PDB file of N, CA and C in Angstrom:
ATOM      1  N   MET A   1       0.685  -1.135   0.013  1.00  0.00           N
ATOM      2  CA  MET A   1       0.040  -0.010  -0.033  1.00  0.00           C
ATOM      3  C   MET A   1       0.858   1.248   0.088  1.00  0.00           C
ATOM      4  N   THR A   2       0.646   2.122  -0.880  1.00  0.00           N
ATOM      5  CA  THR A   2       1.252   3.470  -0.986  1.00  0.00           C
ATOM      6  C   THR A   2       0.787   4.424   0.082  1.00  0.00           C
ATOM      7  N   ASN A   3       1.589   5.132   0.970  1.00  0.00           N
ATOM      8  CA  ASN A   3       1.258   6.164   1.716  1.00  0.00           C
ATOM      9  C   ASN A   3       1.060   7.461   0.902  1.00  0.00           C
ATOM     10  N   CYS A   4      -0.020   8.106   1.048  1.00  0.00           N
ATOM     11  CA  CYS A   4      -0.226   9.350   0.348  1.00  0.00           C
ATOM     12  C   CYS A   4      -1.130  10.162   1.335  1.00  0.00           C
ATOM     13  N   ARG A   5      -0.887  11.567   1.484  1.00  0.00           N
ATOM     14  CA  ARG A   5      -1.673  12.424   2.204  1.00  0.00           C
ATOM     15  C   ARG A   5      -2.683  13.063   1.243  1.00  0.00           C
ATOM     16  N   LEU A   6      -3.856  13.387   1.815  1.00  0.00           N
ATOM     17  CA  LEU A   6      -4.944  13.818   1.113  1.00  0.00           C
ATOM     18  C   LEU A   6      -4.838  15.510   1.304  1.00  0.00           C
ATOM     19  N   ARG A   7      -5.070  16.211   0.273  1.00  0.00           N
ATOM     20  CA  ARG A   7      -5.200  17.444   0.502  1.00  0.00           C
ATOM     21  C   ARG A   7      -6.435  17.893   1.219  1.00  0.00           C
ATOM     22  N   GLY A   8      -6.501  19.139   1.763  1.00  0.00           N
ATOM     23  CA  GLY A   8      -7.674  19.728   2.485  1.00  0.00           C
ATOM     24  C   GLY A   8      -8.979  19.492   1.733  1.00  0.00           C
ATOM     25  N   LYS A   9      -8.814  19.969   0.488  1.00  0.00           N
ATOM     26  CA  LYS A   9     -10.143  19.787  -0.469  1.00  0.00           C
ATOM     27  C   LYS A   9     -10.637  18.382  -0.442  1.00  0.00           C
ATOM     28  N   GLU A  10      -9.519  17.429  -0.665  1.00  0.00           N
ATOM     29  CA  GLU A  10      -9.960  16.140  -0.919  1.00  0.00           C
ATOM     30  C   GLU A  10     -10.658  15.431   0.354  1.00  0.00           C
ATOM     31  N   ARG A  11     -10.004  15.960   1.476  1.00  0.00           N
ATOM     32  CA  ARG A  11     -10.352  15.448   2.721  1.00  0.00           C
ATOM     33  C   ARG A  11     -11.991  16.006   3.092  1.00  0.00           C
ATOM     34  N   ARG A  12     -12.120  17.255   2.836  1.00  0.00           N
ATOM     35  CA  ARG A  12     -13.519  17.791   2.906  1.00  0.00           C
ATOM     36  C   ARG A  12     -14.554  17.195   2.067  1.00  0.00           C
ATOM     37  N   TYR A  13     -14.035  16.824   0.854  1.00  0.00           N
ATOM     38  CA  TYR A  13     -15.140  16.171  -0.074  1.00  0.00           C
ATOM     39  C   TYR A  13     -15.356  14.839   0.318  1.00  0.00           C
ATOM     40  N   LEU A  14     -14.525  13.920   0.922  1.00  0.00           N
ATOM     41  CA  LEU A  14     -14.801  12.606   1.314  1.00  0.00           C
ATOM     42  C   LEU A  14     -15.485  12.789   2.766  1.00  0.00           C
ATOM     43  N   ARG A  15     -15.273  13.748   3.512  1.00  0.00           N
ATOM     44  CA  ARG A  15     -15.946  14.050   4.746  1.00  0.00           C
ATOM     45  C   ARG A  15     -17.370  14.130   4.404  1.00  0.00           C
ATOM     46  N   GLY A  16     -17.644  15.205   3.452  1.00  0.00           N
ATOM     47  CA  GLY A  16     -18.984  15.382   3.152  1.00  0.00           C
ATOM     48  C   GLY A  16     -19.755  14.254   2.625  1.00  0.00           C
ATOM     49  N   LEU A  17     -19.217  13.235   1.781  1.00  0.00           N
ATOM     50  CA  LEU A  17     -19.719  12.112   1.501  1.00  0.00           C
ATOM     51  C   LEU A  17     -20.204  11.276   2.481  1.00  0.00           C
ATOM     52  N   GLY A  18     -19.248  11.041   3.545  1.00  0.00           N
ATOM     53  CA  GLY A  18     -19.619  10.272   4.714  1.00  0.00           C
ATOM     54  C   GLY A  18     -20.667  10.864   5.597  1.00  0.00           C
ATOM     55  N   ASN A  19     -20.697  12.331   5.656  1.00  0.00           N
ATOM     56  CA  ASN A  19     -21.951  12.651   6.366  1.00  0.00           C
ATOM     57  C   ASN A  19     -23.257  12.412   5.803  1.00  0.00           C
ATOM     58  N   ALA A  20     -23.389  12.100   4.684  1.00  0.00           N
ATOM     59  CA  ALA A  20     -24.830  11.686   4.167  1.00  0.00           C
ATOM     60  C   ALA A  20     -25.163  10.341   4.388  1.00  0.00           C
ATOM     61  N   LEU A  21     -24.186   9.504   4.782  1.00  0.00           N
ATOM     62  CA  LEU A  21     -24.382   8.136   5.226  1.00  0.00           C
ATOM     63  C   LEU A  21     -24.955   7.872   6.659  1.00  0.00           C
ATOM     64  N   GLY A  22     -25.890   7.218   6.862  1.00  0.00           N
ATOM     65  CA  GLY A  22     -26.359   6.852   8.162  1.00  0.00           C
ATOM     66  C   GLY A  22     -25.657   5.720   8.660  1.00  0.00           C
ATOM     67  N   PRO A  23     -25.675   5.527  10.003  1.00  0.00           N
ATOM     68  CA  PRO A  23     -24.867   4.368  10.372  1.00  0.00           C
ATOM     69  C   PRO A  23     -25.752   3.095  10.251  1.00  0.00           C
ATOM     70  N   THR A  24     -25.236   1.931  10.069  1.00  0.00           N
ATOM     71  CA  THR A  24     -25.901   0.826   9.851  1.00  0.00           C
ATOM     72  C   THR A  24     -25.925  -0.173  11.058  1.00  0.00           C
ATOM     73  N   VAL A  25     -24.951   0.075  12.124  1.00  0.00           N
ATOM     74  CA  VAL A  25     -24.874  -0.673  13.258  1.00  0.00           C
ATOM     75  C   VAL A  25     -24.534   0.268  14.411  1.00  0.00           C
ATOM     76  N   TYR A  26     -25.336   0.267  15.550  1.00  0.00           N
ATOM     77  CA  TYR A  26     -24.971   1.026  16.677  1.00  0.00           C
ATOM     78  C   TYR A  26     -24.528  -0.060  17.753  1.00  0.00           C
ATOM     79  N   LEU A  27     -23.496   0.320  18.391  1.00  0.00           N
ATOM     80  CA  LEU A  27     -22.890  -0.517  19.439  1.00  0.00           C
ATOM     81  C   LEU A  27     -23.034   0.348  20.788  1.00  0.00           C
ATOM     82  N   GLY A  28     -23.601  -0.396  21.774  1.00  0.00           N
ATOM     83  CA  GLY A  28     -23.682   0.367  23.024  1.00  0.00           C
ATOM     84  C   GLY A  28     -22.640   0.129  23.991  1.00  0.00           C
ATOM     85  N   LYS A  29     -22.647   0.412  25.231  1.00  0.00           N
ATOM     86  CA  LYS A  29     -21.589   0.277  26.307  1.00  0.00           C
ATOM     87  C   LYS A  29     -21.018  -1.161  26.178  1.00  0.00           C
ATOM     88  N   GLU A  30     -21.833  -2.244  26.036  1.00  0.00           N
ATOM     89  CA  GLU A  30     -21.447  -3.533  26.172  1.00  0.00           C
ATOM     90  C   GLU A  30     -20.621  -3.917  25.020  1.00  0.00           C
ATOM     91  N   GLY A  31     -20.678  -3.193  23.981  1.00  0.00           N
ATOM     92  CA  GLY A  31     -19.962  -3.476  22.788  1.00  0.00           C
ATOM     93  C   GLY A  31     -20.414  -4.491  21.806  1.00  0.00           C
ATOM     94  N   LEU A  32     -19.626  -5.264  21.233  1.00  0.00           N
ATOM     95  CA  LEU A  32     -20.086  -6.192  20.145  1.00  0.00           C
ATOM     96  C   LEU A  32     -20.564  -7.452  20.872  1.00  0.00           C
ATOM     97  N   SER A  33     -21.687  -7.876  20.603  1.00  0.00           N
ATOM     98  CA  SER A  33     -22.126  -9.242  21.197  1.00  0.00           C
ATOM     99  C   SER A  33     -22.404 -10.330  20.411  1.00  0.00           C
ATOM    100  N   VAL A  34     -22.558 -11.590  20.746  1.00  0.00           N
ATOM    101  CA  VAL A  34     -22.735 -12.675  19.878  1.00  0.00           C
ATOM    102  C   VAL A  34     -23.947 -12.460  18.915  1.00  0.00           C
ATOM    103  N   ALA A  35     -25.072 -11.825  19.684  1.00  0.00           N
ATOM    104  CA  ALA A  35     -26.245 -11.603  18.748  1.00  0.00           C
ATOM    105  C   ALA A  35     -26.034 -10.501  17.661  1.00  0.00           C
ATOM    106  N   VAL A  36     -25.287  -9.487  17.901  1.00  0.00           N
ATOM    107  CA  VAL A  36     -24.988  -8.517  16.855  1.00  0.00           C
ATOM    108  C   VAL A  36     -24.234  -9.177  15.753  1.00  0.00           C
ATOM    109  N   ILE A  37     -23.213  -9.986  16.092  1.00  0.00           N
ATOM    110  CA  ILE A  37     -22.264 -10.709  15.075  1.00  0.00           C
ATOM    111  C   ILE A  37     -23.242 -11.625  14.218  1.00  0.00           C
ATOM    112  N   ARG A  38     -24.236 -12.370  14.912  1.00  0.00           N
ATOM    113  CA  ARG A  38     -25.162 -13.155  14.297  1.00  0.00           C
ATOM    114  C   ARG A  38     -26.034 -12.423  13.068  1.00  0.00           C
ATOM    115  N   LEU A  39     -26.502 -11.261  13.598  1.00  0.00           N
ATOM    116  CA  LEU A  39     -27.264 -10.518  12.733  1.00  0.00           C
ATOM    117  C   LEU A  39     -26.584  -9.810  11.647  1.00  0.00           C
ATOM    118  N   LEU A  40     -25.287  -9.607  11.636  1.00  0.00           N
ATOM    119  CA  LEU A  40     -24.596  -9.053  10.779  1.00  0.00           C
ATOM    120  C   LEU A  40     -24.220 -10.062   9.688  1.00  0.00           C
ATOM    121  N   ASN A  41     -23.921 -11.438  10.052  1.00  0.00           N
ATOM    122  CA  ASN A  41     -23.776 -12.525   9.306  1.00  0.00           C
ATOM    123  C   ASN A  41     -24.810 -12.707   8.639  1.00  0.00           C
ATOM    124  N   GLU A  42     -26.200 -12.614   8.988  1.00  0.00           N
ATOM    125  CA  GLU A  42     -27.217 -12.842   8.271  1.00  0.00           C
ATOM    126  C   GLU A  42     -27.773 -11.877   7.289  1.00  0.00           C
ATOM    127  N   ALA A  43     -27.154 -10.600   7.429  1.00  0.00           N
ATOM    128  CA  ALA A  43     -27.560  -9.453   6.556  1.00  0.00           C
ATOM    129  C   ALA A  43     -26.836  -9.572   5.215  1.00  0.00           C
TER     130      ALA A  43
END
């Protein structure tokens, strides 16, 4: 893998794309459980 640094404009663009996405999995205080892993594998 090549190490490259993003310019400010590139970083802002990618951050903007990410802001439009909603989270698909929420993890609480207990973290990742067997039930969550099972649901993710079924999805």
